[in-house]
Amino acid sequence: MFLVPEARGAGYGADAARTLATYLRDEAGWQRITVDPYLWNDRAICAWERAGFVRDEERPADHEHTSSWLLMVFAS
């Protein structure tokens, strides 16, 4: 999920992420919802935490990620 620069810092990302994750869990029946922000992206990690995601595991760069990243799971 990406926000245009003028929408960043206003809480829209966390609200949108929480709304989507809640819908996927409650209405679509998804059992596990994850995101994978880069470890250097503190703002994204904080937004995902505000949305109800918790840190699960730090992982090294791989074929899909150019640097270390964090697996986060929706827990709200």
Protein backbone atom coordinates (compact mmCIF):
# COMPACT_ATOMS: atom_id res chain seq x y z
CA MET A 1 0.00 0.00 0.00
CA PHE A 2 1.34 3.40 -0.95
CA LEU A 3 0.11 6.91 -0.22
CA VAL A 4 0.69 9.97 -2.36
CA PRO A 5 3.07 12.38 -0.60
CA GLU A 6 0.37 14.92 0.27
CA ALA A 7 -1.63 12.23 2.14
CA ARG A 8 1.27 11.04 4.27
CA GLY A 9 1.39 11.83 7.96
CA ALA A 10 -2.35 12.40 8.34
CA GLY A 11 -3.29 8.91 9.56
CA TYR A 12 -4.99 7.88 6.32
CA GLY A 13 -2.67 4.91 5.76
CA ALA A 14 -3.30 3.33 9.15
CA ASP A 15 -7.05 3.90 8.85
CA ALA A 16 -7.19 2.41 5.36
CA ALA A 17 -5.03 -0.56 6.32
CA ARG A 18 -7.12 -1.32 9.42
CA THR A 19 -10.36 -1.05 7.45
CA LEU A 20 -9.12 -3.33 4.68
CA ALA A 21 -7.60 -5.91 7.05
CA THR A 22 -10.78 -5.99 9.15
CA TYR A 23 -12.88 -6.51 6.04
CA LEU A 24 -10.63 -9.29 4.76
CA ARG A 25 -10.80 -11.05 8.13
CA ASP A 26 -14.47 -10.55 9.00
CA GLU A 27 -16.18 -10.53 5.60
CA ALA A 28 -13.85 -12.43 3.27
CA GLY A 29 -12.80 -15.03 5.85
CA TRP A 30 -9.05 -14.57 5.59
CA GLN A 31 -7.28 -16.35 8.43
CA ARG A 32 -3.94 -14.53 8.28
CA ILE A 33 -3.15 -11.06 6.92
CA THR A 34 0.48 -10.02 6.64
CA VAL A 35 2.55 -7.09 5.43
CA ASP A 36 6.28 -6.82 4.81
CA PRO A 37 7.75 -3.32 5.27
CA TYR A 38 11.49 -2.79 5.03
CA LEU A 39 13.24 -2.52 8.40
CA TRP A 40 14.60 0.92 7.51
CA ASN A 41 11.06 2.28 6.95
CA ASP A 42 10.18 3.33 10.49
CA ARG A 43 7.21 5.44 9.40
CA ALA A 44 5.61 2.51 7.58
CA ILE A 45 6.21 0.15 10.49
CA CYS A 46 4.60 2.62 12.90
CA ALA A 47 1.61 3.05 10.57
CA TRP A 48 1.13 -0.72 10.31
CA GLU A 49 1.32 -0.97 14.10
CA ARG A 50 -1.32 1.77 14.46
CA ALA A 51 -3.46 -0.24 12.03
CA GLY A 52 -3.32 -3.30 14.32
CA PHE A 53 -0.41 -5.27 12.91
CA VAL A 54 2.25 -6.73 15.21
CA ARG A 55 5.87 -7.56 14.54
CA ASP A 56 6.38 -11.24 13.83
CA GLU A 57 9.86 -11.80 12.42
CA GLU A 58 12.77 -9.88 10.92
CA ARG A 59 13.99 -11.40 7.66
CA PRO A 60 17.00 -10.82 5.43
CA ALA A 61 16.90 -9.56 1.86
CA ASP A 62 15.69 -12.15 -0.64
CA HIS A 63 14.54 -12.44 -4.25
CA GLU A 64 11.52 -10.17 -3.53
CA HIS A 65 13.13 -7.70 -1.10
CA THR A 66 16.24 -5.61 -1.74
CA SER A 67 17.04 -5.22 1.96
CA SER A 68 16.05 -6.66 5.34
CA TRP A 69 12.35 -6.59 6.04
CA LEU A 70 9.84 -7.21 8.79
CA LEU A 71 6.98 -9.69 8.64
CA MET A 72 3.96 -8.21 10.42
CA VAL A 73 0.62 -9.93 11.15
CA PHE A 74 -2.80 -8.34 11.66
CA ALA A 75 -3.80 -8.97 15.28
CA SER A 76 -6.65 -6.56 16.02
